[in-house]
Amino acid sequence: MGVHFKAINFPPEVRLPDTVEISMYRVVQEALTNAARHANARNVDVILEYRLDKIVLLVEDNGIGFDPSQVPPTGHLGLIGMQERAEMIGATLHVESEPGCGTIIVMEVPHDS
């Protein structure tokens, strides 16, 4: 599986609080694990974009996708864990997917510029 990373407008001197960095890292880690283990993805793009009022993390794969409305409450603890990590730092997490069309995970972390 090929993974491509791109940082957009991220000043090199900017560091986020440890809790934020760790939560974002764990979300990426889980998204990559899901792409490899469940989605059979061949390519994944990870994009980190610094904006004035938020940091946007996007993980997009070209895997088999799934219907998010059909995710059973058990057996998909990774998605629940990503959501909980986002909430712990005041971020939002959205999962966009459909069968045959890959998956996009978007995490938006508010910050003061």
PDB file of N, CA and C in Angstrom:
ATOM      1  N   MET A   1       0.856  -1.174   0.000  1.00  0.00           N
ATOM      2  CA  MET A   1       0.000   0.000   0.000  1.00  0.00           C
ATOM      3  C   MET A   1       0.902   1.237   0.000  1.00  0.00           C
ATOM      4  N   GLY A   2       0.649   2.158  -0.923  1.00  0.00           N
ATOM      5  CA  GLY A   2       1.396   3.409  -0.971  1.00  0.00           C
ATOM      6  C   GLY A   2       0.718   4.475  -0.134  1.00  0.00           C
ATOM      7  N   VAL A   3       1.510   5.166   0.658  1.00  0.00           N
ATOM      8  CA  VAL A   3       0.991   6.250   1.493  1.00  0.00           C
ATOM      9  C   VAL A   3       1.711   7.532   1.100  1.00  0.00           C
ATOM     10  N   HIS A   4       0.947   8.574   0.826  1.00  0.00           N
ATOM     11  CA  HIS A   4       1.493   9.865   0.424  1.00  0.00           C
ATOM     12  C   HIS A   4       1.075  10.906   1.460  1.00  0.00           C
ATOM     13  N   PHE A   5       2.026  11.715   1.914  1.00  0.00           N
ATOM     14  CA  PHE A   5       1.752  12.736   2.927  1.00  0.00           C
ATOM     15  C   PHE A   5       2.044  14.109   2.350  1.00  0.00           C
ATOM     16  N   LYS A   6       1.180  15.063   2.686  1.00  0.00           N
ATOM     17  CA  LYS A   6       1.400  16.446   2.262  1.00  0.00           C
ATOM     18  C   LYS A   6       0.955  17.378   3.384  1.00  0.00           C
ATOM     19  N   ALA A   7       1.811  18.337   3.738  1.00  0.00           N
ATOM     20  CA  ALA A   7       1.462  19.385   4.696  1.00  0.00           C
ATOM     21  C   ALA A   7       1.264  20.671   3.914  1.00  0.00           C
ATOM     22  N   ILE A   8       0.169  21.349   4.181  1.00  0.00           N
ATOM     23  CA  ILE A   8      -0.171  22.572   3.455  1.00  0.00           C
ATOM     24  C   ILE A   8      -0.228  23.737   4.448  1.00  0.00           C
ATOM     25  N   ASN A   9       0.536  24.782   4.168  1.00  0.00           N
ATOM     26  CA  ASN A   9       0.546  26.011   4.976  1.00  0.00           C
ATOM     27  C   ASN A   9       0.922  25.771   6.436  1.00  0.00           C
ATOM     28  N   PHE A  10       1.628  24.698   6.725  1.00  0.00           N
ATOM     29  CA  PHE A  10       1.971  24.402   8.104  1.00  0.00           C
ATOM     30  C   PHE A  10       3.328  25.011   8.421  1.00  0.00           C
ATOM     31  N   PRO A  11       3.344  26.084   9.240  1.00  0.00           N
ATOM     32  CA  PRO A  11       4.618  26.724   9.572  1.00  0.00           C
ATOM     33  C   PRO A  11       5.518  25.752  10.332  1.00  0.00           C
ATOM     34  N   PRO A  12       6.784  25.644   9.956  1.00  0.00           N
ATOM     35  CA  PRO A  12       7.675  24.676  10.598  1.00  0.00           C
ATOM     36  C   PRO A  12       7.891  24.929  12.088  1.00  0.00           C
ATOM     37  N   GLU A  13       7.720  26.174  12.521  1.00  0.00           N
ATOM     38  CA  GLU A  13       7.949  26.482  13.937  1.00  0.00           C
ATOM     39  C   GLU A  13       6.729  26.183  14.816  1.00  0.00           C
ATOM     40  N   VAL A  14       5.611  25.831  14.230  1.00  0.00           N
ATOM     41  CA  VAL A  14       4.389  25.601  14.996  1.00  0.00           C
ATOM     42  C   VAL A  14       4.375  24.178  15.548  1.00  0.00           C
ATOM     43  N   ARG A  15       4.170  24.085  16.854  1.00  0.00           N
ATOM     44  CA  ARG A  15       3.956  22.800  17.517  1.00  0.00           C
ATOM     45  C   ARG A  15       2.603  22.876  18.209  1.00  0.00           C
ATOM     46  N   LEU A  16       1.902  21.788  18.171  1.00  0.00           N
ATOM     47  CA  LEU A  16       0.606  21.701  18.828  1.00  0.00           C
ATOM     48  C   LEU A  16       0.796  21.089  20.211  1.00  0.00           C
ATOM     49  N   PRO A  17      -0.179  21.274  21.090  1.00  0.00           N
ATOM     50  CA  PRO A  17      -0.079  20.617  22.393  1.00  0.00           C
ATOM     51  C   PRO A  17       0.067  19.094  22.213  1.00  0.00           C
ATOM     52  N   ASP A  18       0.802  18.480  23.133  1.00  0.00           N
ATOM     53  CA  ASP A  18       1.050  17.040  23.030  1.00  0.00           C
ATOM     54  C   ASP A  18      -0.234  16.234  22.869  1.00  0.00           C
ATOM     55  N   THR A  19      -1.276  16.581  23.617  1.00  0.00           N
ATOM     56  CA  THR A  19      -2.525  15.820  23.537  1.00  0.00           C
ATOM     57  C   THR A  19      -3.127  15.881  22.143  1.00  0.00           C
ATOM     58  N   VAL A  20      -3.007  17.028  21.491  1.00  0.00           N
ATOM     59  CA  VAL A  20      -3.538  17.194  20.133  1.00  0.00           C
ATOM     60  C   VAL A  20      -2.709  16.387  19.144  1.00  0.00           C
ATOM     61  N   GLU A  21      -1.387  16.524  19.232  1.00  0.00           N
ATOM     62  CA  GLU A  21      -0.522  15.784  18.316  1.00  0.00           C
ATOM     63  C   GLU A  21      -0.726  14.275  18.454  1.00  0.00           C
ATOM     64  N   ILE A  22      -0.813  13.788  19.678  1.00  0.00           N
ATOM     65  CA  ILE A  22      -0.991  12.355  19.901  1.00  0.00           C
ATOM     66  C   ILE A  22      -2.344  11.884  19.366  1.00  0.00           C
ATOM     67  N   SER A  23      -3.391  12.655  19.613  1.00  0.00           N
ATOM     68  CA  SER A  23      -4.722  12.273  19.119  1.00  0.00           C
ATOM     69  C   SER A  23      -4.756  12.236  17.598  1.00  0.00           C
ATOM     70  N   MET A  24      -4.151  13.221  16.959  1.00  0.00           N
ATOM     71  CA  MET A  24      -4.118  13.244  15.500  1.00  0.00           C
ATOM     72  C   MET A  24      -3.302  12.063  14.965  1.00  0.00           C
ATOM     73  N   TYR A  25      -2.174  11.790  15.596  1.00  0.00           N
ATOM     74  CA  TYR A  25      -1.339  10.660  15.202  1.00  0.00           C
ATOM     75  C   TYR A  25      -2.118   9.354  15.293  1.00  0.00           C
ATOM     76  N   ARG A  26      -2.841   9.160  16.391  1.00  0.00           N
ATOM     77  CA  ARG A  26      -3.598   7.921  16.580  1.00  0.00           C
ATOM     78  C   ARG A  26      -4.747   7.787  15.578  1.00  0.00           C
ATOM     79  N   VAL A  27      -5.367   8.890  15.201  1.00  0.00           N
ATOM     80  CA  VAL A  27      -6.416   8.842  14.182  1.00  0.00           C
ATOM     81  C   VAL A  27      -5.812   8.415  12.846  1.00  0.00           C
ATOM     82  N   VAL A  28      -4.678   8.997  12.483  1.00  0.00           N
ATOM     83  CA  VAL A  28      -4.017   8.599  11.234  1.00  0.00           C
ATOM     84  C   VAL A  28      -3.628   7.130  11.303  1.00  0.00           C
ATOM     85  N   GLN A  29      -3.076   6.717  12.428  1.00  0.00           N
ATOM     86  CA  GLN A  29      -2.659   5.328  12.590  1.00  0.00           C
ATOM     87  C   GLN A  29      -3.836   4.374  12.385  1.00  0.00           C
ATOM     88  N   GLU A  30      -4.963   4.668  12.988  1.00  0.00           N
ATOM     89  CA  GLU A  30      -6.140   3.815  12.857  1.00  0.00           C
ATOM     90  C   GLU A  30      -6.692   3.838  11.432  1.00  0.00           C
ATOM     91  N   ALA A  31      -6.707   5.017  10.815  1.00  0.00           N
ATOM     92  CA  ALA A  31      -7.198   5.120   9.434  1.00  0.00           C
ATOM     93  C   ALA A  31      -6.322   4.301   8.483  1.00  0.00           C
ATOM     94  N   LEU A  32      -5.003   4.349   8.675  1.00  0.00           N
ATOM     95  CA  LEU A  32      -4.098   3.563   7.834  1.00  0.00           C
ATOM     96  C   LEU A  32      -4.281   2.064   8.083  1.00  0.00           C
ATOM     97  N   THR A  33      -4.460   1.697   9.335  1.00  0.00           N
ATOM     98  CA  THR A  33      -4.701   0.284   9.661  1.00  0.00           C
ATOM     99  C   THR A  33      -5.980  -0.200   8.999  1.00  0.00           C
ATOM    100  N   ASN A  34      -7.039   0.599   9.082  1.00  0.00           N
ATOM    101  CA  ASN A  34      -8.311   0.219   8.456  1.00  0.00           C
ATOM    102  C   ASN A  34      -8.173   0.104   6.939  1.00  0.00           C
ATOM    103  N   ALA A  35      -7.431   1.036   6.337  1.00  0.00           N
ATOM    104  CA  ALA A  35      -7.250   1.013   4.883  1.00  0.00           C
ATOM    105  C   ALA A  35      -6.539  -0.265   4.443  1.00  0.00           C
ATOM    106  N   ALA A  36      -5.543  -0.672   5.224  1.00  0.00           N
ATOM    107  CA  ALA A  36      -4.787  -1.876   4.872  1.00  0.00           C
ATOM    108  C   ALA A  36      -5.548  -3.151   5.228  1.00  0.00           C
ATOM    109  N   ARG A  37      -6.149  -3.186   6.395  1.00  0.00           N
ATOM    110  CA  ARG A  37      -6.755  -4.421   6.914  1.00  0.00           C
ATOM    111  C   ARG A  37      -8.139  -4.698   6.349  1.00  0.00           C
ATOM    112  N   HIS A  38      -8.951  -3.661   6.195  1.00  0.00           N
ATOM    113  CA  HIS A  38     -10.351  -3.869   5.815  1.00  0.00           C
ATOM    114  C   HIS A  38     -10.692  -3.402   4.408  1.00  0.00           C
ATOM    115  N   ALA A  39     -10.038  -2.346   3.949  1.00  0.00           N
ATOM    116  CA  ALA A  39     -10.444  -1.717   2.689  1.00  0.00           C
ATOM    117  C   ALA A  39      -9.695  -2.229   1.474  1.00  0.00           C
ATOM    118  N   ASN A  40      -8.615  -2.969   1.706  1.00  0.00           N
ATOM    119  CA  ASN A  40      -7.781  -3.427   0.588  1.00  0.00           C
ATOM    120  C   ASN A  40      -7.321  -2.263  -0.284  1.00  0.00           C
ATOM    121  N   ALA A  41      -7.021  -1.148   0.345  1.00  0.00           N
ATOM    122  CA  ALA A  41      -6.602   0.049  -0.393  1.00  0.00           C
ATOM    123  C   ALA A  41      -5.200  -0.148  -0.959  1.00  0.00           C
ATOM    124  N   ARG A  42      -4.984   0.410  -2.135  1.00  0.00           N
ATOM    125  CA  ARG A  42      -3.649   0.403  -2.737  1.00  0.00           C
ATOM    126  C   ARG A  42      -2.944   1.728  -2.497  1.00  0.00           C
ATOM    127  N   ASN A  43      -3.716   2.798  -2.311  1.00  0.00           N
ATOM    128  CA  ASN A  43      -3.139   4.122  -2.086  1.00  0.00           C
ATOM    129  C   ASN A  43      -3.917   4.856  -1.000  1.00  0.00           C
ATOM    130  N   VAL A  44      -3.161   5.591  -0.195  1.00  0.00           N
ATOM    131  CA  VAL A  44      -3.763   6.431   0.843  1.00  0.00           C
ATOM    132  C   VAL A  44      -3.056   7.780   0.814  1.00  0.00           C
ATOM    133  N   ASP A  45      -3.827   8.839   0.839  1.00  0.00           N
ATOM    134  CA  ASP A  45      -3.289  10.190   0.942  1.00  0.00           C
ATOM    135  C   ASP A  45      -3.592  10.720   2.337  1.00  0.00           C
ATOM    136  N   VAL A  46      -2.567  11.293   2.974  1.00  0.00           N
ATOM    137  CA  VAL A  46      -2.726  11.943   4.267  1.00  0.00           C
ATOM    138  C   VAL A  46      -2.348  13.404   4.068  1.00  0.00           C
ATOM    139  N   ILE A  47      -3.305  14.282   4.322  1.00  0.00           N
ATOM    140  CA  ILE A  47      -3.087  15.721   4.117  1.00  0.00           C
ATOM    141  C   ILE A  47      -3.333  16.439   5.434  1.00  0.00           C
ATOM    142  N   LEU A  48      -2.386  17.285   5.798  1.00  0.00           N
ATOM    143  CA  LEU A  48      -2.480  18.097   7.011  1.00  0.00           C
ATOM    144  C   LEU A  48      -2.450  19.552   6.570  1.00  0.00           C
ATOM    145  N   GLU A  49      -3.533  20.272   6.822  1.00  0.00           N
ATOM    146  CA  GLU A  49      -3.621  21.662   6.368  1.00  0.00           C
ATOM    147  C   GLU A  49      -3.810  22.604   7.552  1.00  0.00           C
ATOM    148  N   TYR A  50      -2.957  23.609   7.607  1.00  0.00           N
ATOM    149  CA  TYR A  50      -3.011  24.630   8.644  1.00  0.00           C
ATOM    150  C   TYR A  50      -3.843  25.794   8.122  1.00  0.00           C
ATOM    151  N   ARG A  51      -4.926  26.098   8.821  1.00  0.00           N
ATOM    152  CA  ARG A  51      -5.764  27.249   8.483  1.00  0.00           C
ATOM    153  C   ARG A  51      -5.752  28.204   9.666  1.00  0.00           C
ATOM    154  N   LEU A  52      -6.294  29.393   9.476  1.00  0.00           N
ATOM    155  CA  LEU A  52      -6.253  30.403  10.537  1.00  0.00           C
ATOM    156  C   LEU A  52      -6.939  29.960  11.818  1.00  0.00           C
ATOM    157  N   ASP A  53      -8.059  29.268  11.707  1.00  0.00           N
ATOM    158  CA  ASP A  53      -8.835  28.926  12.892  1.00  0.00           C
ATOM    159  C   ASP A  53      -8.888  27.434  13.195  1.00  0.00           C
ATOM    160  N   LYS A  54      -8.299  26.604  12.328  1.00  0.00           N
ATOM    161  CA  LYS A  54      -8.343  25.165  12.556  1.00  0.00           C
ATOM    162  C   LYS A  54      -7.257  24.455  11.763  1.00  0.00           C
ATOM    163  N   ILE A  55      -7.015  23.240  12.176  1.00  0.00           N
ATOM    164  CA  ILE A  55      -6.116  22.358  11.452  1.00  0.00           C
ATOM    165  C   ILE A  55      -6.981  21.244  10.909  1.00  0.00           C
ATOM    166  N   VAL A  56      -6.843  20.970   9.622  1.00  0.00           N
ATOM    167  CA  VAL A  56      -7.644  19.937   8.980  1.00  0.00           C
ATOM    168  C   VAL A  56      -6.735  18.762   8.638  1.00  0.00           C
ATOM    169  N   LEU A  57      -7.137  17.598   9.093  1.00  0.00           N
ATOM    170  CA  LEU A  57      -6.448  16.356   8.796  1.00  0.00           C
ATOM    171  C   LEU A  57      -7.367  15.535   7.903  1.00  0.00           C
ATOM    172  N   LEU A  58      -6.851  15.103   6.769  1.00  0.00           N
ATOM    173  CA  LEU A  58      -7.650  14.335   5.820  1.00  0.00           C
ATOM    174  C   LEU A  58      -6.891  13.052   5.488  1.00  0.00           C
ATOM    175  N   VAL A  59      -7.572  11.927   5.614  1.00  0.00           N
ATOM    176  CA  VAL A  59      -7.003  10.640   5.215  1.00  0.00           C
ATOM    177  C   VAL A  59      -7.967  10.029   4.214  1.00  0.00           C
ATOM    178  N   GLU A  60      -7.489   9.840   2.991  1.00  0.00           N
ATOM    179  CA  GLU A  60      -8.343   9.348   1.908  1.00  0.00           C
ATOM    180  C   GLU A  60      -7.721   8.102   1.298  1.00  0.00           C
ATOM    181  N   ASP A  61      -8.527   7.024   1.216  1.00  0.00           N
ATOM    182  CA  ASP A  61      -8.021   5.800   0.596  1.00  0.00           C
ATOM    183  C   ASP A  61      -8.859   5.428  -0.628  1.00  0.00           C
ATOM    184  N   ASN A  62      -8.289   4.563  -1.458  1.00  0.00           N
ATOM    185  CA  ASN A  62      -9.001   4.111  -2.652  1.00  0.00           C
ATOM    186  C   ASN A  62      -9.464   2.668  -2.495  1.00  0.00           C
ATOM    187  N   GLY A  63      -9.814   2.309  -1.278  1.00  0.00           N
ATOM    188  CA  GLY A  63     -10.241   0.951  -0.982  1.00  0.00           C
ATOM    189  C   GLY A  63     -11.677   0.668  -1.379  1.00  0.00           C
ATOM    190  N   ILE A  64     -12.196  -0.427  -0.833  1.00  0.00           N
ATOM    191  CA  ILE A  64     -13.519  -0.914  -1.233  1.00  0.00           C
ATOM    192  C   ILE A  64     -14.659  -0.093  -0.644  1.00  0.00           C
ATOM    193  N   GLY A  65     -14.379   0.716   0.362  1.00  0.00           N
ATOM    194  CA  GLY A  65     -15.416   1.552   0.965  1.00  0.00           C
ATOM    195  C   GLY A  65     -16.434   0.734   1.742  1.00  0.00           C
ATOM    196  N   PHE A  66     -17.381   1.434   2.343  1.00  0.00           N
ATOM    197  CA  PHE A  66     -18.446   0.797   3.121  1.00  0.00           C
ATOM    198  C   PHE A  66     -19.567   1.801   3.292  1.00  0.00           C
ATOM    199  N   ASP A  67     -20.693   1.327   3.761  1.00  0.00           N
ATOM    200  CA  ASP A  67     -21.832   2.195   4.040  1.00  0.00           C
ATOM    201  C   ASP A  67     -21.785   2.575   5.516  1.00  0.00           C
ATOM    202  N   PRO A  68     -21.415   3.829   5.849  1.00  0.00           N
ATOM    203  CA  PRO A  68     -21.298   4.216   7.258  1.00  0.00           C
ATOM    204  C   PRO A  68     -22.583   4.032   8.061  1.00  0.00           C
ATOM    205  N   SER A  69     -23.734   4.081   7.413  1.00  0.00           N
ATOM    206  CA  SER A  69     -24.991   3.904   8.151  1.00  0.00           C
ATOM    207  C   SER A  69     -25.229   2.444   8.522  1.00  0.00           C
ATOM    208  N   GLN A  70     -24.455   1.533   7.940  1.00  0.00           N
ATOM    209  CA  GLN A  70     -24.626   0.109   8.212  1.00  0.00           C
ATOM    210  C   GLN A  70     -23.545  -0.463   9.124  1.00  0.00           C
ATOM    211  N   VAL A  71     -22.736   0.408   9.753  1.00  0.00           N
ATOM    212  CA  VAL A  71     -21.674  -0.071  10.639  1.00  0.00           C
ATOM    213  C   VAL A  71     -22.313  -0.602  11.916  1.00  0.00           C
ATOM    214  N   PRO A  72     -22.082  -1.874  12.237  1.00  0.00           N
ATOM    215  CA  PRO A  72     -22.662  -2.410  13.477  1.00  0.00           C
ATOM    216  C   PRO A  72     -22.008  -1.772  14.701  1.00  0.00           C
ATOM    217  N   PRO A  73     -22.735  -1.695  15.814  1.00  0.00           N
ATOM    218  CA  PRO A  73     -22.189  -1.037  17.003  1.00  0.00           C
ATOM    219  C   PRO A  73     -20.985  -1.773  17.591  1.00  0.00           C
ATOM    220  N   THR A  74     -20.866  -3.057  17.329  1.00  0.00           N
ATOM    221  CA  THR A  74     -19.700  -3.804  17.796  1.00  0.00           C
ATOM    222  C   THR A  74     -18.872  -4.228  16.597  1.00  0.00           C
ATOM    223  N   GLY A  75     -17.604  -4.460  16.827  1.00  0.00           N
ATOM    224  CA  GLY A  75     -16.747  -4.914  15.751  1.00  0.00           C
ATOM    225  C   GLY A  75     -16.054  -3.797  14.997  1.00  0.00           C
ATOM    226  N   HIS A  76     -16.418  -2.557  15.251  1.00  0.00           N
ATOM    227  CA  HIS A  76     -15.776  -1.425  14.585  1.00  0.00           C
ATOM    228  C   HIS A  76     -15.318  -0.419  15.638  1.00  0.00           C
ATOM    229  N   LEU A  77     -14.582  -0.924  16.596  1.00  0.00           N
ATOM    230  CA  LEU A  77     -14.126  -0.075  17.691  1.00  0.00           C
ATOM    231  C   LEU A  77     -13.127   0.966  17.222  1.00  0.00           C
ATOM    232  N   GLY A  78     -12.447   0.720  16.096  1.00  0.00           N
ATOM    233  CA  GLY A  78     -11.496   1.697  15.565  1.00  0.00           C
ATOM    234  C   GLY A  78     -12.180   2.999  15.200  1.00  0.00           C
ATOM    235  N   LEU A  79     -13.328   2.919  14.551  1.00  0.00           N
ATOM    236  CA  LEU A  79     -14.073   4.134  14.186  1.00  0.00           C
ATOM    237  C   LEU A  79     -14.554   4.862  15.438  1.00  0.00           C
ATOM    238  N   ILE A  80     -15.010   4.096  16.413  1.00  0.00           N
ATOM    239  CA  ILE A  80     -15.470   4.703  17.667  1.00  0.00           C
ATOM    240  C   ILE A  80     -14.293   5.365  18.378  1.00  0.00           C
ATOM    241  N   GLY A  81     -13.148   4.693  18.392  1.00  0.00           N
ATOM    242  CA  GLY A  81     -11.962   5.253  19.034  1.00  0.00           C
ATOM    243  C   GLY A  81     -11.510   6.545  18.385  1.00  0.00           C
ATOM    244  N   MET A  82     -11.572   6.611  17.043  1.00  0.00           N
ATOM    245  CA  MET A  82     -11.204   7.848  16.347  1.00  0.00           C
ATOM    246  C   MET A  82     -12.142   8.977  16.752  1.00  0.00           C
ATOM    247  N   GLN A  83     -13.432   8.681  16.817  1.00  0.00           N
ATOM    248  CA  GLN A  83     -14.422   9.689  17.200  1.00  0.00           C
ATOM    249  C   GLN A  83     -14.163  10.179  18.621  1.00  0.00           C
ATOM    250  N   GLU A  84     -13.874   9.248  19.524  1.00  0.00           N
ATOM    251  CA  GLU A  84     -13.621   9.620  20.917  1.00  0.00           C
ATOM    252  C   GLU A  84     -12.353  10.468  21.041  1.00  0.00           C
ATOM    253  N   ARG A  85     -11.310  10.119  20.297  1.00  0.00           N
ATOM    254  CA  ARG A  85     -10.068  10.909  20.342  1.00  0.00           C
ATOM    255  C   ARG A  85     -10.314  12.330  19.852  1.00  0.00           C
ATOM    256  N   ALA A  86     -11.108  12.470  18.793  1.00  0.00           N
ATOM    257  CA  ALA A  86     -11.429  13.802  18.284  1.00  0.00           C
ATOM    258  C   ALA A  86     -12.191  14.605  19.337  1.00  0.00           C
ATOM    259  N   GLU A  87     -13.187  14.004  19.935  1.00  0.00           N
ATOM    260  CA  GLU A  87     -13.995  14.703  20.934  1.00  0.00           C
ATOM    261  C   GLU A  87     -13.165  15.126  22.145  1.00  0.00           C
ATOM    262  N   MET A  88     -12.178  14.310  22.535  1.00  0.00           N
ATOM    263  CA  MET A  88     -11.352  14.624  23.709  1.00  0.00           C
ATOM    264  C   MET A  88     -10.567  15.922  23.524  1.00  0.00           C
ATOM    265  N   ILE A  89     -10.263  16.291  22.284  1.00  0.00           N
ATOM    266  CA  ILE A  89      -9.495  17.519  22.048  1.00  0.00           C
ATOM    267  C   ILE A  89     -10.353  18.625  21.431  1.00  0.00           C
ATOM    268  N   GLY A  90     -11.681  18.443  21.457  1.00  0.00           N
ATOM    269  CA  GLY A  90     -12.589  19.463  20.936  1.00  0.00           C
ATOM    270  C   GLY A  90     -12.646  19.511  19.425  1.00  0.00           C
ATOM    271  N   ALA A  91     -12.244  18.429  18.777  1.00  0.00           N
ATOM    272  CA  ALA A  91     -12.247  18.364  17.314  1.00  0.00           C
ATOM    273  C   ALA A  91     -13.505  17.657  16.823  1.00  0.00           C
ATOM    274  N   THR A  92     -13.743  17.763  15.526  1.00  0.00           N
ATOM    275  CA  THR A  92     -14.816  17.010  14.897  1.00  0.00           C
ATOM    276  C   THR A  92     -14.204  15.977  13.970  1.00  0.00           C
ATOM    277  N   LEU A  93     -14.907  14.871  13.792  1.00  0.00           N
ATOM    278  CA  LEU A  93     -14.446  13.812  12.899  1.00  0.00           C
ATOM    279  C   LEU A  93     -15.613  13.375  12.035  1.00  0.00           C
ATOM    280  N   HIS A  94     -15.378  13.341  10.731  1.00  0.00           N
ATOM    281  CA  HIS A  94     -16.402  12.913   9.778  1.00  0.00           C
ATOM    282  C   HIS A  94     -15.837  11.772   8.959  1.00  0.00           C
ATOM    283  N   VAL A  95     -16.676  10.755   8.736  1.00  0.00           N
ATOM    284  CA  VAL A  95     -16.293   9.625   7.901  1.00  0.00           C
ATOM    285  C   VAL A  95     -17.214   9.624   6.693  1.00  0.00           C
ATOM    286  N   GLU A  96     -16.599   9.699   5.513  1.00  0.00           N
ATOM    287  CA  GLU A  96     -17.357   9.666   4.264  1.00  0.00           C
ATOM    288  C   GLU A  96     -16.923   8.431   3.495  1.00  0.00           C
ATOM    289  N   SER A  97     -17.888   7.602   3.120  1.00  0.00           N
ATOM    290  CA  SER A  97     -17.573   6.393   2.379  1.00  0.00           C
ATOM    291  C   SER A  97     -18.829   5.848   1.738  1.00  0.00           C
ATOM    292  N   GLU A  98     -18.632   5.036   0.732  1.00  0.00           N
ATOM    293  CA  GLU A  98     -19.708   4.254   0.158  1.00  0.00           C
ATOM    294  C   GLU A  98     -19.073   3.061  -0.535  1.00  0.00           C
ATOM    295  N   PRO A  99     -19.804   1.962  -0.610  1.00  0.00           N
ATOM    296  CA  PRO A  99     -19.223   0.764  -1.214  1.00  0.00           C
ATOM    297  C   PRO A  99     -18.659   1.040  -2.613  1.00  0.00           C
ATOM    298  N   GLY A 100     -17.445   0.585  -2.823  1.00  0.00           N
ATOM    299  CA  GLY A 100     -16.789   0.736  -4.117  1.00  0.00           C
ATOM    300  C   GLY A 100     -16.116   2.072  -4.356  1.00  0.00           C
ATOM    301  N   CYS A 101     -16.175   2.987  -3.378  1.00  0.00           N
ATOM    302  CA  CYS A 101     -15.666   4.344  -3.622  1.00  0.00           C
ATOM    303  C   CYS A 101     -14.631   4.820  -2.603  1.00  0.00           C
ATOM    304  N   GLY A 102     -14.060   3.949  -1.815  1.00  0.00           N
ATOM    305  CA  GLY A 102     -13.044   4.379  -0.859  1.00  0.00           C
ATOM    306  C   GLY A 102     -13.645   5.082   0.340  1.00  0.00           C
ATOM    307  N   THR A 103     -12.741   5.593   1.170  1.00  0.00           N
ATOM    308  CA  THR A 103     -13.147   6.239   2.424  1.00  0.00           C
ATOM    309  C   THR A 103     -12.339   7.508   2.627  1.00  0.00           C
ATOM    310  N   ILE A 104     -13.000   8.523   3.171  1.00  0.00           N
ATOM    311  CA  ILE A 104     -12.342   9.773   3.537  1.00  0.00           C
ATOM    312  C   ILE A 104     -12.645  10.038   5.008  1.00  0.00           C
ATOM    313  N   ILE A 105     -11.591  10.237   5.781  1.00  0.00           N
ATOM    314  CA  ILE A 105     -11.712  10.623   7.189  1.00  0.00           C
ATOM    315  C   ILE A 105     -11.267  12.081   7.273  1.00  0.00           C
ATOM    316  N   VAL A 106     -12.106  12.936   7.846  1.00  0.00           N
ATOM    317  CA  VAL A 106     -11.770  14.351   7.992  1.00  0.00           C
ATOM    318  C   VAL A 106     -11.868  14.714   9.475  1.00  0.00           C
ATOM    319  N   MET A 107     -10.752  15.202  10.005  1.00  0.00           N
ATOM    320  CA  MET A 107     -10.703  15.655  11.396  1.00  0.00           C
ATOM    321  C   MET A 107     -10.386  17.138  11.381  1.00  0.00           C
ATOM    322  N   GLU A 108     -11.206  17.935  12.047  1.00  0.00           N
ATOM    323  CA  GLU A 108     -10.996  19.375  12.127  1.00  0.00           C
ATOM    324  C   GLU A 108     -10.722  19.757  13.576  1.00  0.00           C
ATOM    325  N   VAL A 109      -9.526  20.307  13.802  1.00  0.00           N
ATOM    326  CA  VAL A 109      -9.079  20.652  15.143  1.00  0.00           C
ATOM    327  C   VAL A 109      -9.036  22.174  15.261  1.00  0.00           C
ATOM    328  N   PRO A 110      -9.908  22.765  16.096  1.00  0.00           N
ATOM    329  CA  PRO A 110      -9.861  24.214  16.249  1.00  0.00           C
ATOM    330  C   PRO A 110      -8.574  24.653  16.963  1.00  0.00           C
ATOM    331  N   HIS A 111      -8.069  25.828  16.605  1.00  0.00           N
ATOM    332  CA  HIS A 111      -6.891  26.377  17.287  1.00  0.00           C
ATOM    333  C   HIS A 111      -6.898  27.877  17.161  1.00  0.00           C
ATOM    334  N   ASP A 112      -6.153  28.515  18.045  1.00  0.00           N
ATOM    335  CA  ASP A 112      -5.969  29.959  17.986  1.00  0.00           C
ATOM    336  C   ASP A 112      -4.727  30.242  17.165  1.00  0.00           C
ATOM    337  N   SER A 113      -4.831  31.143  16.229  1.00  0.00           N
ATOM    338  CA  SER A 113      -3.651  31.442  15.397  1.00  0.00           C
ATOM    339  C   SER A 113      -2.732  32.418  16.064  1.00  0.00           C
TER     340      SER A 113
END
